[in-house]
């Protein structure tokens, strides 16, 4: 089962968990499972059209899924995924 690392600002929505086991054959399935386990996190990851928000980055190992197959990128048991929201400031 893949493990998804949750960044500190989003841990409020995962009951403080820094890592969550997710299931699915690709990133889309894994994020759907995350949303099912923790419904409060969904609006912080997906927009109203149920698409990944542009400022949300998902890495599988060291690779951004945007450089792979996007949310269709396959995942395997034992994969380490990282959810990294972009941060802007001034």
C-alpha atoms as a PDB file:
ATOM      1  CA  UNK A   1       0.000   0.000   0.000  1.00  0.00           C
ATOM      2  CA  UNK A   2       1.481   3.407  -0.941  1.00  0.00           C
ATOM      3  CA  UNK A   3       2.189   5.924   1.807  1.00  0.00           C
ATOM      4  CA  UNK A   4       1.314   9.597   1.315  1.00  0.00           C
ATOM      5  CA  UNK A   5       3.295  12.158   3.327  1.00  0.00           C
ATOM      6  CA  UNK A   6       1.107  15.040   4.501  1.00  0.00           C
ATOM      7  CA  UNK A   7       2.672  18.504   4.919  1.00  0.00           C
ATOM      8  CA  UNK A   8       2.291  20.248   8.274  1.00  0.00           C
ATOM      9  CA  UNK A   9      -0.330  22.827   7.118  1.00  0.00           C
ATOM     10  CA  UNK A  10      -2.677  20.044   5.949  1.00  0.00           C
ATOM     11  CA  UNK A  11      -2.290  17.730   8.951  1.00  0.00           C
ATOM     12  CA  UNK A  12      -5.200  19.514  10.604  1.00  0.00           C
ATOM     13  CA  UNK A  13      -7.400  17.690   8.072  1.00  0.00           C
ATOM     14  CA  UNK A  14      -5.808  14.264   8.661  1.00  0.00           C
ATOM     15  CA  UNK A  15      -6.226  14.202  12.445  1.00  0.00           C
ATOM     16  CA  UNK A  16      -2.587  15.248  12.835  1.00  0.00           C
ATOM     17  CA  UNK A  17      -1.209  12.333  10.820  1.00  0.00           C
ATOM     18  CA  UNK A  18       2.013  13.052   8.968  1.00  0.00           C
ATOM     19  CA  UNK A  19       1.669   9.941   6.788  1.00  0.00           C
ATOM     20  CA  UNK A  20      -1.411   8.147   5.525  1.00  0.00           C
ATOM     21  CA  UNK A  21      -1.652   4.779   3.811  1.00  0.00           C
ATOM     22  CA  UNK A  22      -3.682   5.053   0.623  1.00  0.00           C
ATOM     23  CA  UNK A  23      -4.889   2.504  -1.874  1.00  0.00           C
ATOM     24  CA  UNK A  24      -5.349   2.609  -5.617  1.00  0.00           C
ATOM     25  CA  UNK A  25      -3.627   1.816  -8.859  1.00  0.00           C
ATOM     26  CA  UNK A  26      -2.774   5.428  -9.727  1.00  0.00           C
ATOM     27  CA  UNK A  27      -2.447   8.875  -8.164  1.00  0.00           C
ATOM     28  CA  UNK A  28      -6.093   9.699  -8.849  1.00  0.00           C
ATOM     29  CA  UNK A  29      -7.254   6.596  -6.959  1.00  0.00           C
ATOM     30  CA  UNK A  30      -4.839   7.295  -4.097  1.00  0.00           C
ATOM     31  CA  UNK A  31      -6.107  10.869  -3.716  1.00  0.00           C
ATOM     32  CA  UNK A  32      -9.718   9.672  -3.871  1.00  0.00           C
ATOM     33  CA  UNK A  33      -8.913   7.228  -1.063  1.00  0.00           C
ATOM     34  CA  UNK A  34      -7.294  10.042   0.936  1.00  0.00           C
ATOM     35  CA  UNK A  35     -10.437  12.154   0.445  1.00  0.00           C
ATOM     36  CA  UNK A  36     -12.634   9.252   1.538  1.00  0.00           C
ATOM     37  CA  UNK A  37     -10.576   8.736   4.690  1.00  0.00           C
ATOM     38  CA  UNK A  38     -10.395  12.475   5.463  1.00  0.00           C
ATOM     39  CA  UNK A  39     -13.212  14.369   3.684  1.00  0.00           C
ATOM     40  CA  UNK A  40     -12.154  17.737   5.151  1.00  0.00           C
ATOM     41  CA  UNK A  41      -8.932  17.681   3.099  1.00  0.00           C
ATOM     42  CA  UNK A  42     -10.700  17.423  -0.261  1.00  0.00           C
ATOM     43  CA  UNK A  43     -11.323  21.171  -0.886  1.00  0.00           C
ATOM     44  CA  UNK A  44      -7.661  21.848  -0.170  1.00  0.00           C
ATOM     45  CA  UNK A  45      -6.540  19.421  -2.874  1.00  0.00           C
ATOM     46  CA  UNK A  46      -9.319  19.550  -5.478  1.00  0.00           C
ATOM     47  CA  UNK A  47     -11.158  22.459  -7.097  1.00  0.00           C
ATOM     48  CA  UNK A  48     -14.919  22.611  -7.677  1.00  0.00           C
ATOM     49  CA  UNK A  49     -14.497  20.594 -10.893  1.00  0.00           C
ATOM     50  CA  UNK A  50     -12.885  17.789  -8.857  1.00  0.00           C
ATOM     51  CA  UNK A  51      -9.528  18.435 -10.530  1.00  0.00           C
ATOM     52  CA  UNK A  52      -6.230  18.708  -8.699  1.00  0.00           C
ATOM     53  CA  UNK A  53      -5.645  22.328  -7.721  1.00  0.00           C
ATOM     54  CA  UNK A  54      -2.809  23.890  -9.759  1.00  0.00           C
ATOM     55  CA  UNK A  55      -0.786  24.775  -6.642  1.00  0.00           C
ATOM     56  CA  UNK A  56      -0.825  21.192  -5.326  1.00  0.00           C
ATOM     57  CA  UNK A  57       2.199  19.121  -6.250  1.00  0.00           C
ATOM     58  CA  UNK A  58       2.378  15.376  -5.832  1.00  0.00           C
ATOM     59  CA  UNK A  59       5.714  13.615  -5.920  1.00  0.00           C
ATOM     60  CA  UNK A  60       6.276   9.912  -6.300  1.00  0.00           C
ATOM     61  CA  UNK A  61       9.776   9.386  -5.035  1.00  0.00           C
ATOM     62  CA  UNK A  62      11.710  12.346  -6.443  1.00  0.00           C
ATOM     63  CA  UNK A  63       9.495  12.849  -9.488  1.00  0.00           C
ATOM     64  CA  UNK A  64       6.682  15.383  -9.773  1.00  0.00           C
ATOM     65  CA  UNK A  65       3.639  13.670 -11.296  1.00  0.00           C
ATOM     66  CA  UNK A  66       3.279  16.710 -13.583  1.00  0.00           C
ATOM     67  CA  UNK A  67       6.438  15.445 -15.316  1.00  0.00           C
ATOM     68  CA  UNK A  68       5.051  11.911 -15.528  1.00  0.00           C
ATOM     69  CA  UNK A  69       1.442  10.983 -16.370  1.00  0.00           C
ATOM     70  CA  UNK A  70      -0.265  13.429 -14.015  1.00  0.00           C
ATOM     71  CA  UNK A  71      -3.013  11.897 -11.882  1.00  0.00           C
ATOM     72  CA  UNK A  72      -2.887   8.816 -14.145  1.00  0.00           C
ATOM     73  CA  UNK A  73       0.642   8.021 -12.917  1.00  0.00           C
ATOM     74  CA  UNK A  74       0.628   4.428 -11.642  1.00  0.00           C
ATOM     75  CA  UNK A  75       1.449   3.692  -7.998  1.00  0.00           C
ATOM     76  CA  UNK A  76       2.657   0.476  -6.454  1.00  0.00           C
ATOM     77  CA  UNK A  77       2.663  -0.989  -2.975  1.00  0.00           C
ATOM     78  CA  UNK A  78       5.546   0.527  -1.065  1.00  0.00           C
ATOM     79  CA  UNK A  79       5.664   3.767  -3.084  1.00  0.00           C
ATOM     80  CA  UNK A  80       6.262   6.925  -1.056  1.00  0.00           C
ATOM     81  CA  UNK A  81       4.139   9.831  -2.214  1.00  0.00           C
ATOM     82  CA  UNK A  82       4.498  13.429  -1.054  1.00  0.00           C
ATOM     83  CA  UNK A  83       1.791  16.061  -1.142  1.00  0.00           C
ATOM     84  CA  UNK A  84       3.419  19.488  -1.405  1.00  0.00           C
ATOM     85  CA  UNK A  85       1.317  22.639  -1.740  1.00  0.00           C
ATOM     86  CA  UNK A  86       3.075  25.571  -3.381  1.00  0.00           C
ATOM     87  CA  UNK A  87       3.699  28.467  -1.053  1.00  0.00           C
ATOM     88  CA  UNK A  88       3.776  32.062  -2.209  1.00  0.00           C
ATOM     89  CA  UNK A  89       4.511  35.140  -0.283  1.00  0.00           C
ATOM     90  CA  UNK A  90       6.033  38.491  -0.411  1.00  0.00           C
END
